Amino acid sequence: MIKFPKPIQELIDQFCKLPGIGPKTAERLVFYLLKQSMEELNDFASALTQINNSVIKCSICHNISEKDPCSICSDKNRDHHIICIVAEPHDLAAIENTGEYKGVYHVLGGVLDPLSGQTPDRLRFNDLLTKLQKNKISEIMLAFNPDMEGEATMMYLNNLLKPFKIKITRLARGMPVGADLEYTDEITLSSAIKNRKEM
């Protein structure tokens, strides 16, 4: 097995830490970067640094943002009586890209998956309950991937929210089972939002 120079190997190891990136893909990425000009590498490094320095989490919905509150939470034209609960910020982005949903959001920070350590105390359920106690909410829309973890999270939320006597809806079944919100096309996702069902 070939040994790469230490700086190359360290960069390969860093890329391997990213989800879905194995050693071969990491090698390809590093060797691609080696072919780039110093200016392009500096731009890449600068973009990585800015993620840490200028991206924050909105204190209201927990979406990623450059300001707090984020542009969605501070928009007076949004319907603040409807909250769409999503697992991650990229799910929120997928729903926003449809242009169909006009309410606000709550980013849970993941889905229930006890086998990998994602238990209720590690997600933002308490923040959600506080939000419901302080605000007059008419509908909660659950927007999770239609897989085992997503379904388990929706069942947990449905039970948790029952005492509030709020209308709880979920995306319609226009999405195939096992599909990820992040990769669902806008037309299918838009249809799922329009035809959401009460739980």
Protein backbone atom coordinates (compact mmCIF):
# COMPACT_ATOMS: atom_id res chain seq x y z
CA MET A 1 0.00 0.00 0.00
CA ILE A 2 1.38 3.40 -1.03
CA LYS A 3 2.24 5.92 1.68
CA PHE A 4 1.34 9.51 0.87
CA PRO A 5 3.29 12.47 2.23
CA LYS A 6 2.03 13.45 5.70
CA PRO A 7 0.12 16.66 4.65
CA ILE A 8 -1.75 14.72 1.92
CA GLN A 9 -2.59 11.85 4.27
CA GLU A 10 -3.82 14.27 6.95
CA LEU A 11 -6.14 15.94 4.45
CA ILE A 12 -7.41 12.54 3.25
CA ASP A 13 -8.11 11.63 6.88
CA GLN A 14 -10.06 14.88 7.37
CA PHE A 15 -12.20 14.24 4.27
CA CYS A 16 -12.88 10.68 5.52
CA LYS A 17 -14.57 12.19 8.58
CA LEU A 18 -17.31 13.65 6.35
CA PRO A 19 -20.51 11.59 5.98
CA GLY A 20 -20.55 9.40 2.88
CA ILE A 21 -16.87 9.99 2.07
CA GLY A 22 -14.70 6.86 2.03
CA PRO A 23 -10.93 6.67 1.59
CA LYS A 24 -11.03 6.46 -2.24
CA THR A 25 -13.36 9.47 -2.58
CA ALA A 26 -11.22 11.36 -0.06
CA GLU A 27 -8.11 10.63 -2.14
CA ARG A 28 -9.84 11.87 -5.31
CA LEU A 29 -10.88 15.09 -3.57
CA VAL A 30 -7.38 15.74 -2.24
CA PHE A 31 -5.74 15.10 -5.61
CA TYR A 32 -8.33 17.35 -7.26
CA LEU A 33 -7.38 20.11 -4.82
CA LEU A 34 -3.68 19.59 -5.59
CA LYS A 35 -4.40 20.54 -9.21
CA GLN A 36 -6.05 23.84 -8.26
CA SER A 37 -4.36 27.25 -8.27
CA MET A 38 -3.29 28.86 -5.00
CA GLU A 39 -6.07 31.44 -5.44
CA GLU A 40 -8.74 28.72 -5.73
CA LEU A 41 -7.32 26.91 -2.69
CA ASN A 42 -7.37 30.13 -0.68
CA ASP A 43 -11.01 30.73 -1.69
CA PHE A 44 -11.84 27.16 -0.58
CA ALA A 45 -10.04 27.62 2.75
CA SER A 46 -11.72 30.99 3.27
CA ALA A 47 -15.19 29.50 2.67
CA LEU A 48 -14.46 26.78 5.26
CA THR A 49 -13.31 29.38 7.80
CA GLN A 50 -16.38 31.57 7.22
CA ILE A 51 -18.71 28.67 8.07
CA ASN A 52 -17.32 28.68 11.58
CA ASN A 53 -17.01 32.45 11.95
CA SER A 54 -20.21 33.83 10.43
CA VAL A 55 -22.86 31.09 10.45
CA ILE A 56 -24.93 30.93 13.64
CA LYS A 57 -28.11 29.18 14.77
CA CYS A 58 -31.33 31.15 15.05
CA SER A 59 -32.37 31.26 18.71
CA ILE A 60 -36.04 30.82 17.73
CA CYS A 61 -36.14 28.05 15.10
CA HIS A 62 -32.54 26.74 15.30
CA ASN A 63 -31.99 27.09 11.55
CA ILE A 64 -28.56 28.12 10.32
CA SER A 65 -28.36 31.83 9.64
CA GLU A 66 -26.08 34.85 9.44
CA LYS A 67 -28.25 36.79 11.90
CA ASP A 68 -30.43 36.11 14.93
CA PRO A 69 -33.36 35.83 14.57
CA CYS A 70 -33.13 34.41 11.06
CA SER A 71 -34.86 36.00 8.07
CA ILE A 72 -37.80 33.54 8.29
CA CYS A 73 -38.50 34.08 12.02
CA SER A 74 -38.22 37.86 11.66
CA ASP A 75 -40.50 38.00 8.58
CA LYS A 76 -43.83 39.54 9.63
CA ASN A 77 -45.47 38.24 6.43
CA ARG A 78 -45.00 34.61 7.52
CA ASP A 79 -47.80 32.83 9.38
CA HIS A 80 -46.36 32.49 12.89
CA HIS A 81 -49.34 30.34 13.95
CA ILE A 82 -48.12 27.36 11.89
CA ILE A 83 -44.87 25.60 12.78
CA CYS A 84 -43.25 23.06 10.48
CA ILE A 85 -40.99 20.70 12.42
CA VAL A 86 -38.01 19.32 10.49
CA ALA A 87 -35.01 17.24 11.50
CA GLU A 88 -32.19 19.33 9.98
CA PRO A 89 -31.60 22.71 8.28
CA HIS A 90 -31.25 21.10 4.83
CA ASP A 91 -34.82 19.73 5.22
CA LEU A 92 -36.02 23.28 5.93
CA ALA A 93 -34.23 24.48 2.78
CA ALA A 94 -35.95 21.77 0.69
CA ILE A 95 -39.38 22.91 1.91
CA GLU A 96 -38.56 26.61 1.41
CA ASN A 97 -37.48 25.92 -2.18
CA THR A 98 -41.03 24.80 -3.05
CA GLY A 99 -42.40 28.28 -2.27
CA GLU A 100 -45.52 26.52 -0.99
CA TYR A 101 -45.13 26.83 2.78
CA LYS A 102 -45.66 30.24 4.43
CA GLY A 103 -45.39 29.39 8.13
CA VAL A 104 -42.34 29.21 10.42
CA TYR A 105 -40.11 26.32 11.46
CA HIS A 106 -38.61 24.39 14.33
CA VAL A 107 -35.41 22.45 13.57
CA LEU A 108 -35.30 19.46 15.89
CA GLY A 109 -31.61 18.68 15.39
CA GLY A 110 -32.09 15.11 14.20
CA VAL A 111 -34.52 12.21 14.56
CA LEU A 112 -35.08 9.62 17.25
CA ASP A 113 -32.65 6.77 16.82
CA PRO A 114 -31.77 5.18 20.19
CA LEU A 115 -29.29 2.75 18.59
CA SER A 116 -27.07 5.66 17.55
CA GLY A 117 -27.65 7.65 20.75
CA GLN A 118 -30.34 10.01 19.43
CA THR A 119 -32.72 9.95 22.39
CA PRO A 120 -35.40 12.58 23.18
CA ASP A 121 -33.11 14.45 25.59
CA ARG A 122 -30.61 15.07 22.75
CA LEU A 123 -33.17 16.74 20.46
CA ARG A 124 -34.99 20.08 20.80
CA PHE A 125 -38.32 18.80 22.12
CA ASN A 126 -38.20 21.01 25.25
CA ASP A 127 -37.60 24.15 23.15
CA LEU A 128 -40.65 23.21 21.10
CA LEU A 129 -42.83 22.77 24.19
CA THR A 130 -41.70 26.16 25.52
CA LYS A 131 -42.57 27.72 22.15
CA LEU A 132 -46.05 26.18 22.26
CA GLN A 133 -46.68 27.43 25.79
CA LYS A 134 -45.65 31.00 24.93
CA ASN A 135 -47.31 31.36 21.51
CA LYS A 136 -50.75 30.77 20.03
CA ILE A 137 -50.11 27.99 17.52
CA SER A 138 -52.93 26.64 15.33
CA GLU A 139 -51.09 23.90 13.41
CA ILE A 140 -47.97 21.79 13.67
CA MET A 141 -46.77 20.30 10.38
CA LEU A 142 -44.41 17.32 10.68
CA ALA A 143 -41.94 17.06 7.80
CA PHE A 144 -39.66 14.06 8.26
CA ASN A 145 -38.20 11.44 5.97
CA PRO A 146 -40.65 8.53 5.57
CA ASP A 147 -38.23 6.01 7.08
CA MET A 148 -38.26 4.17 10.42
CA GLU A 149 -36.54 6.96 12.36
CA GLY A 150 -38.73 9.66 10.79
CA GLU A 151 -41.90 7.70 11.53
CA ALA A 152 -40.79 7.04 15.13
CA THR A 153 -40.08 10.76 15.62
CA MET A 154 -43.51 11.71 14.23
CA MET A 155 -45.25 9.21 16.53
CA TYR A 156 -43.32 10.57 19.51
CA LEU A 157 -44.22 14.16 18.56
CA ASN A 158 -47.87 13.25 18.02
CA ASN A 159 -48.07 11.84 21.57
CA LEU A 160 -46.07 14.73 23.03
CA LEU A 161 -48.28 17.37 21.39
CA LYS A 162 -51.72 15.78 22.00
CA PRO A 163 -52.32 17.68 25.29
CA PHE A 164 -52.01 21.00 23.42
CA LYS A 165 -55.07 20.16 21.27
CA ILE A 166 -53.38 21.63 18.19
CA LYS A 167 -54.01 20.44 14.64
CA ILE A 168 -51.10 18.12 13.74
CA THR A 169 -50.47 17.36 10.07
CA ARG A 170 -47.80 15.45 8.20
CA LEU A 171 -46.60 15.58 4.61
CA ALA A 172 -48.83 13.64 2.23
CA ARG A 173 -47.63 10.30 0.93
CA GLY A 174 -46.51 11.81 -2.37
CA MET A 175 -43.00 10.98 -1.24
CA PRO A 176 -41.86 7.38 -1.70
CA VAL A 177 -40.96 5.43 1.43
CA GLY A 178 -37.23 5.69 2.11
CA ALA A 179 -36.86 9.00 0.23
CA ASP A 180 -34.93 11.89 1.78
CA LEU A 181 -36.53 15.34 1.95
CA GLU A 182 -33.22 16.87 0.92
CA TYR A 183 -33.24 15.00 -2.42
CA THR A 184 -36.96 15.08 -3.19
CA ASP A 185 -37.84 17.19 -6.23
CA GLU A 186 -39.73 20.44 -5.61
CA ILE A 187 -42.89 19.35 -7.44
CA THR A 188 -43.29 16.16 -5.35
CA LEU A 189 -42.48 18.03 -2.13
CA SER A 190 -44.86 20.88 -3.05
CA SER A 191 -47.64 18.33 -3.62
CA ALA A 192 -46.85 16.66 -0.28
CA ILE A 193 -47.16 20.03 1.50
CA LYS A 194 -50.45 20.93 -0.23
CA ASN A 195 -51.98 17.53 0.54
CA ARG A 196 -50.67 17.15 4.08
CA LYS A 197 -52.81 14.97 6.31
CA GLU A 198 -53.93 15.43 9.88
CA MET A 199 -52.43 12.89 12.27
